[in-house]
Amino acid sequence: MRKILLATAAILISSSAFAADPTEPVKKVMDITVKNWSGEADDWKYILDEDLLTTLFSKEFAAQYREASKKPAYEAENGDKGDPFGYDVITNSQDGCPLQDVEIAAAPPKDGVSDVTVKFKLWACMDEAEMKASVDQVNFDVITEDGKPVIKDIHRVGDEGRDSLLQEMANIIKGE
């Protein structure tokens, strides 16, 4: 009986560890982003569509996005409202090449937040050697909410340091 209880506990503990993998929502976002930028995607899949917003992102992020969406950056076709950004929030760009050399790595959690780093080449199809070799970096803050890992914030890393998509949405809401 004791062996059965220990085996059951081991299975439950190991399945909990797999369920809380902080890279899972990031991998899903990056799979969509890679497909979007592949040049082969029939339809661009917006990573902040409602179905993805409610499954891959934190409640705080989703609420902030919904509020920021009331102030779209542009009007879409057929009178639909555009998103509040007007650019791809992962690549921080409207233009680019198919993504290459995508790497995803998670740091150990700190204060309940896992920092998941994604690196990729956005300009690999360009002729200029320096641009072609450049590597972009995006960091995701991943937390556990309702027992599953979700994205709390997205930080693009550039010459000026790290930005915050949550802060950008707060600025949009304020009209800045």
C-alpha atoms as a PDB file:
ATOM      1  CA  MET A   1       0.000   0.000   0.000  1.00  0.00           C
ATOM      2  CA  ARG A   2       2.821   2.376   0.900  1.00  0.00           C
ATOM      3  CA  LYS A   3       4.500   1.768  -2.475  1.00  0.00           C
ATOM      4  CA  ILE A   4       1.256   2.582  -4.294  1.00  0.00           C
ATOM      5  CA  LEU A   5       0.901   5.844  -2.381  1.00  0.00           C
ATOM      6  CA  LEU A   6       4.521   6.787  -3.080  1.00  0.00           C
ATOM      7  CA  ALA A   7       4.162   5.950  -6.766  1.00  0.00           C
ATOM      8  CA  THR A   8       0.947   7.967  -7.003  1.00  0.00           C
ATOM      9  CA  ALA A   9       2.605  10.918  -5.270  1.00  0.00           C
ATOM     10  CA  ALA A  10       5.587  10.729  -7.634  1.00  0.00           C
ATOM     11  CA  ILE A  11       3.298  10.728 -10.670  1.00  0.00           C
ATOM     12  CA  LEU A  12       1.300  13.686  -9.366  1.00  0.00           C
ATOM     13  CA  ILE A  13       4.431  15.670  -8.541  1.00  0.00           C
ATOM     14  CA  SER A  14       6.019  14.967 -11.933  1.00  0.00           C
ATOM     15  CA  SER A  15       2.839  15.839 -13.841  1.00  0.00           C
ATOM     16  CA  SER A  16       2.571  19.091 -11.859  1.00  0.00           C
ATOM     17  CA  ALA A  17       6.115  19.976 -12.850  1.00  0.00           C
ATOM     18  CA  PHE A  18       5.328  19.424 -16.522  1.00  0.00           C
ATOM     19  CA  ALA A  19       2.104  21.430 -16.278  1.00  0.00           C
ATOM     20  CA  ALA A  20       3.978  24.428 -14.894  1.00  0.00           C
ATOM     21  CA  ASP A  21       6.614  24.634 -17.665  1.00  0.00           C
ATOM     22  CA  PRO A  22       7.014  28.410 -18.139  1.00  0.00           C
ATOM     23  CA  THR A  23       8.142  28.003 -21.747  1.00  0.00           C
ATOM     24  CA  GLU A  24       4.820  26.485 -22.894  1.00  0.00           C
ATOM     25  CA  PRO A  25       2.838  29.712 -23.538  1.00  0.00           C
ATOM     26  CA  VAL A  26       5.960  31.331 -25.005  1.00  0.00           C
ATOM     27  CA  LYS A  27       6.500  28.396 -27.389  1.00  0.00           C
ATOM     28  CA  LYS A  28       2.904  28.736 -28.590  1.00  0.00           C
ATOM     29  CA  VAL A  29       3.321  32.473 -29.184  1.00  0.00           C
ATOM     30  CA  MET A  30       6.606  31.901 -30.996  1.00  0.00           C
ATOM     31  CA  ASP A  31       5.181  29.073 -33.145  1.00  0.00           C
ATOM     32  CA  ILE A  32       2.481  31.476 -34.338  1.00  0.00           C
ATOM     33  CA  THR A  33       5.008  34.282 -34.837  1.00  0.00           C
ATOM     34  CA  VAL A  34       7.358  32.052 -36.832  1.00  0.00           C
ATOM     35  CA  LYS A  35       4.470  30.941 -39.042  1.00  0.00           C
ATOM     36  CA  ASN A  36       3.264  34.528 -39.485  1.00  0.00           C
ATOM     37  CA  TRP A  37       6.691  35.649 -40.675  1.00  0.00           C
ATOM     38  CA  SER A  38       7.347  32.554 -42.816  1.00  0.00           C
ATOM     39  CA  GLY A  39       5.842  34.090 -45.925  1.00  0.00           C
ATOM     40  CA  GLU A  40       3.739  30.949 -46.268  1.00  0.00           C
ATOM     41  CA  ALA A  41       0.985  31.823 -43.813  1.00  0.00           C
ATOM     42  CA  ASP A  42      -2.350  32.152 -45.605  1.00  0.00           C
ATOM     43  CA  ASP A  43      -3.767  34.178 -42.746  1.00  0.00           C
ATOM     44  CA  TRP A  44      -1.828  36.163 -40.203  1.00  0.00           C
ATOM     45  CA  LYS A  45      -2.790  34.809 -36.774  1.00  0.00           C
ATOM     46  CA  TYR A  46      -2.853  37.614 -34.247  1.00  0.00           C
ATOM     47  CA  ILE A  47      -1.294  36.413 -30.986  1.00  0.00           C
ATOM     48  CA  LEU A  48      -3.656  38.639 -29.014  1.00  0.00           C
ATOM     49  CA  ASP A  49      -6.882  37.235 -30.500  1.00  0.00           C
ATOM     50  CA  GLU A  50      -9.419  36.593 -27.772  1.00  0.00           C
ATOM     51  CA  ASP A  51      -8.925  32.807 -27.776  1.00  0.00           C
ATOM     52  CA  LEU A  52      -5.167  33.164 -27.264  1.00  0.00           C
ATOM     53  CA  LEU A  53      -5.532  36.146 -24.945  1.00  0.00           C
ATOM     54  CA  THR A  54      -7.624  34.084 -22.532  1.00  0.00           C
ATOM     55  CA  THR A  55      -5.444  30.949 -22.662  1.00  0.00           C
ATOM     56  CA  LEU A  56      -1.836  32.178 -22.951  1.00  0.00           C
ATOM     57  CA  PHE A  57      -1.876  35.492 -21.071  1.00  0.00           C
ATOM     58  CA  SER A  58      -2.534  36.549 -17.480  1.00  0.00           C
ATOM     59  CA  LYS A  59      -5.842  38.071 -16.467  1.00  0.00           C
ATOM     60  CA  GLU A  60      -4.088  41.398 -15.823  1.00  0.00           C
ATOM     61  CA  PHE A  61      -2.475  41.389 -19.282  1.00  0.00           C
ATOM     62  CA  ALA A  62      -5.781  40.462 -20.960  1.00  0.00           C
ATOM     63  CA  ALA A  63      -7.707  43.198 -19.124  1.00  0.00           C
ATOM     64  CA  GLN A  64      -5.050  45.784 -20.000  1.00  0.00           C
ATOM     65  CA  TYR A  65      -5.091  44.709 -23.657  1.00  0.00           C
ATOM     66  CA  ARG A  66      -8.898  44.890 -23.862  1.00  0.00           C
ATOM     67  CA  GLU A  67      -8.816  48.414 -22.444  1.00  0.00           C
ATOM     68  CA  ALA A  68      -5.993  49.512 -24.788  1.00  0.00           C
ATOM     69  CA  SER A  69      -7.914  48.006 -27.727  1.00  0.00           C
ATOM     70  CA  LYS A  70     -10.544  50.699 -27.264  1.00  0.00           C
ATOM     71  CA  LYS A  71      -7.933  53.044 -28.783  1.00  0.00           C
ATOM     72  CA  PRO A  72      -6.779  51.260 -31.947  1.00  0.00           C
ATOM     73  CA  ALA A  73      -3.727  52.451 -33.832  1.00  0.00           C
ATOM     74  CA  TYR A  74      -5.623  52.194 -37.122  1.00  0.00           C
ATOM     75  CA  GLU A  75      -8.936  51.253 -38.718  1.00  0.00           C
ATOM     76  CA  ALA A  76      -8.907  47.819 -40.339  1.00  0.00           C
ATOM     77  CA  GLU A  77     -10.703  46.703 -43.478  1.00  0.00           C
ATOM     78  CA  ASN A  78     -14.504  46.451 -43.407  1.00  0.00           C
ATOM     79  CA  GLY A  79     -14.666  49.065 -40.640  1.00  0.00           C
ATOM     80  CA  ASP A  80     -13.256  46.668 -38.030  1.00  0.00           C
ATOM     81  CA  LYS A  81     -11.110  48.231 -35.351  1.00  0.00           C
ATOM     82  CA  GLY A  82      -7.402  47.551 -35.530  1.00  0.00           C
ATOM     83  CA  ASP A  83      -5.233  46.603 -32.607  1.00  0.00           C
ATOM     84  CA  PRO A  84      -3.704  49.251 -30.333  1.00  0.00           C
ATOM     85  CA  PHE A  85      -0.163  48.731 -31.634  1.00  0.00           C
ATOM     86  CA  GLY A  86      -0.005  48.724 -35.436  1.00  0.00           C
ATOM     87  CA  TYR A  87       3.045  46.441 -35.477  1.00  0.00           C
ATOM     88  CA  ASP A  88       4.020  42.909 -34.438  1.00  0.00           C
ATOM     89  CA  VAL A  89       4.641  43.108 -30.688  1.00  0.00           C
ATOM     90  CA  ILE A  90       7.048  40.156 -30.704  1.00  0.00           C
ATOM     91  CA  THR A  91       9.351  41.276 -33.522  1.00  0.00           C
ATOM     92  CA  ASN A  92       8.737  44.953 -32.697  1.00  0.00           C
ATOM     93  CA  SER A  93       8.427  45.493 -36.434  1.00  0.00           C
ATOM     94  CA  GLN A  94       6.110  45.791 -39.408  1.00  0.00           C
ATOM     95  CA  ASP A  95       8.723  44.356 -41.758  1.00  0.00           C
ATOM     96  CA  GLY A  96      11.184  41.510 -41.588  1.00  0.00           C
ATOM     97  CA  CYS A  97      12.269  38.178 -42.973  1.00  0.00           C
ATOM     98  CA  PRO A  98      11.219  34.677 -41.972  1.00  0.00           C
ATOM     99  CA  LEU A  99      12.491  34.171 -38.428  1.00  0.00           C
ATOM    100  CA  GLN A 100      15.608  32.030 -38.120  1.00  0.00           C
ATOM    101  CA  ASP A 101      17.597  30.489 -35.280  1.00  0.00           C
ATOM    102  CA  VAL A 102      14.808  30.818 -32.707  1.00  0.00           C
ATOM    103  CA  GLU A 103      16.048  29.924 -29.215  1.00  0.00           C
ATOM    104  CA  ILE A 104      13.870  29.772 -26.088  1.00  0.00           C
ATOM    105  CA  ALA A 105      15.331  29.490 -22.589  1.00  0.00           C
ATOM    106  CA  ALA A 106      13.821  29.933 -19.141  1.00  0.00           C
ATOM    107  CA  ALA A 107      15.659  31.225 -16.089  1.00  0.00           C
ATOM    108  CA  PRO A 108      14.757  29.830 -12.679  1.00  0.00           C
ATOM    109  CA  PRO A 109      11.691  31.578 -11.228  1.00  0.00           C
ATOM    110  CA  LYS A 110      12.253  34.576  -8.983  1.00  0.00           C
ATOM    111  CA  ASP A 111       9.460  35.933  -6.790  1.00  0.00           C
ATOM    112  CA  GLY A 112       6.934  33.814  -8.699  1.00  0.00           C
ATOM    113  CA  VAL A 113       8.008  35.091 -12.138  1.00  0.00           C
ATOM    114  CA  SER A 114       9.962  33.074 -14.712  1.00  0.00           C
ATOM    115  CA  ASP A 115      11.968  35.106 -17.198  1.00  0.00           C
ATOM    116  CA  VAL A 116      11.772  33.317 -20.552  1.00  0.00           C
ATOM    117  CA  THR A 117      14.255  34.658 -23.106  1.00  0.00           C
ATOM    118  CA  VAL A 118      13.669  34.283 -26.830  1.00  0.00           C
ATOM    119  CA  LYS A 119      16.360  35.113 -29.388  1.00  0.00           C
ATOM    120  CA  PHE A 120      15.939  35.046 -33.155  1.00  0.00           C
ATOM    121  CA  LYS A 121      17.174  36.515 -36.399  1.00  0.00           C
ATOM    122  CA  LEU A 122      14.572  38.763 -38.041  1.00  0.00           C
ATOM    123  CA  TRP A 123      16.710  40.109 -40.883  1.00  0.00           C
ATOM    124  CA  ALA A 124      18.458  36.958 -42.146  1.00  0.00           C
ATOM    125  CA  CYS A 125      17.225  37.506 -45.730  1.00  0.00           C
ATOM    126  CA  MET A 126      18.903  40.907 -46.037  1.00  0.00           C
ATOM    127  CA  ASP A 127      22.054  41.499 -48.069  1.00  0.00           C
ATOM    128  CA  GLU A 128      23.839  43.641 -45.479  1.00  0.00           C
ATOM    129  CA  ALA A 129      26.037  41.302 -43.392  1.00  0.00           C
ATOM    130  CA  GLU A 130      25.650  43.193 -40.095  1.00  0.00           C
ATOM    131  CA  MET A 131      21.867  43.327 -40.377  1.00  0.00           C
ATOM    132  CA  LYS A 132      21.705  39.707 -41.521  1.00  0.00           C
ATOM    133  CA  ALA A 133      23.693  38.574 -38.467  1.00  0.00           C
ATOM    134  CA  SER A 134      21.785  40.686 -35.924  1.00  0.00           C
ATOM    135  CA  VAL A 135      19.916  38.819 -33.201  1.00  0.00           C
ATOM    136  CA  ASP A 136      16.720  40.169 -31.663  1.00  0.00           C
ATOM    137  CA  GLN A 137      15.725  39.382 -28.100  1.00  0.00           C
ATOM    138  CA  VAL A 138      12.339  39.324 -26.408  1.00  0.00           C
ATOM    139  CA  ASN A 139      11.776  38.430 -22.765  1.00  0.00           C
ATOM    140  CA  PHE A 140       8.519  37.104 -21.390  1.00  0.00           C
ATOM    141  CA  ASP A 141       7.481  37.307 -17.738  1.00  0.00           C
ATOM    142  CA  VAL A 142       5.619  34.043 -17.078  1.00  0.00           C
ATOM    143  CA  ILE A 143       3.604  33.419 -13.930  1.00  0.00           C
ATOM    144  CA  THR A 144       1.354  30.611 -12.764  1.00  0.00           C
ATOM    145  CA  GLU A 145      -2.301  31.555 -12.689  1.00  0.00           C
ATOM    146  CA  ASP A 146      -5.127  29.118 -12.013  1.00  0.00           C
ATOM    147  CA  GLY A 147      -2.543  26.320 -12.030  1.00  0.00           C
ATOM    148  CA  LYS A 148      -1.092  27.016 -15.486  1.00  0.00           C
ATOM    149  CA  PRO A 149       1.746  29.139 -16.826  1.00  0.00           C
ATOM    150  CA  VAL A 150       0.659  32.374 -18.523  1.00  0.00           C
ATOM    151  CA  ILE A 151       2.448  35.408 -19.942  1.00  0.00           C
ATOM    152  CA  LYS A 152       2.273  38.446 -17.659  1.00  0.00           C
ATOM    153  CA  ASP A 153       4.371  40.856 -19.733  1.00  0.00           C
ATOM    154  CA  ILE A 154       6.519  41.031 -22.859  1.00  0.00           C
ATOM    155  CA  HIS A 155       9.791  42.983 -22.988  1.00  0.00           C
ATOM    156  CA  ARG A 156      11.573  43.788 -26.234  1.00  0.00           C
ATOM    157  CA  VAL A 157      15.290  44.314 -25.661  1.00  0.00           C
ATOM    158  CA  GLY A 158      17.067  46.980 -27.673  1.00  0.00           C
ATOM    159  CA  ASP A 159      19.728  49.652 -27.519  1.00  0.00           C
ATOM    160  CA  GLU A 160      17.640  51.613 -24.991  1.00  0.00           C
ATOM    161  CA  GLY A 161      17.191  48.578 -22.706  1.00  0.00           C
ATOM    162  CA  ARG A 162      14.034  46.563 -21.989  1.00  0.00           C
ATOM    163  CA  ASP A 163      10.583  47.934 -22.600  1.00  0.00           C
ATOM    164  CA  SER A 164       7.279  46.652 -21.223  1.00  0.00           C
ATOM    165  CA  LEU A 165       4.208  45.875 -23.284  1.00  0.00           C
ATOM    166  CA  LEU A 166       2.078  46.319 -20.141  1.00  0.00           C
ATOM    167  CA  GLN A 167       3.499  49.844 -19.746  1.00  0.00           C
ATOM    168  CA  GLU A 168       2.948  50.574 -23.428  1.00  0.00           C
ATOM    169  CA  MET A 169      -0.700  49.536 -23.064  1.00  0.00           C
ATOM    170  CA  ALA A 170      -1.042  51.744 -19.961  1.00  0.00           C
ATOM    171  CA  ASN A 171       0.308  54.654 -22.005  1.00  0.00           C
ATOM    172  CA  ILE A 172      -2.159  53.941 -24.824  1.00  0.00           C
ATOM    173  CA  ILE A 173      -5.021  53.879 -22.316  1.00  0.00           C
ATOM    174  CA  LYS A 174      -3.865  57.280 -20.954  1.00  0.00           C
ATOM    175  CA  GLY A 175      -3.739  58.631 -24.500  1.00  0.00           C
ATOM    176  CA  GLU A 176       0.038  59.009 -24.535  1.00  0.00           C
END
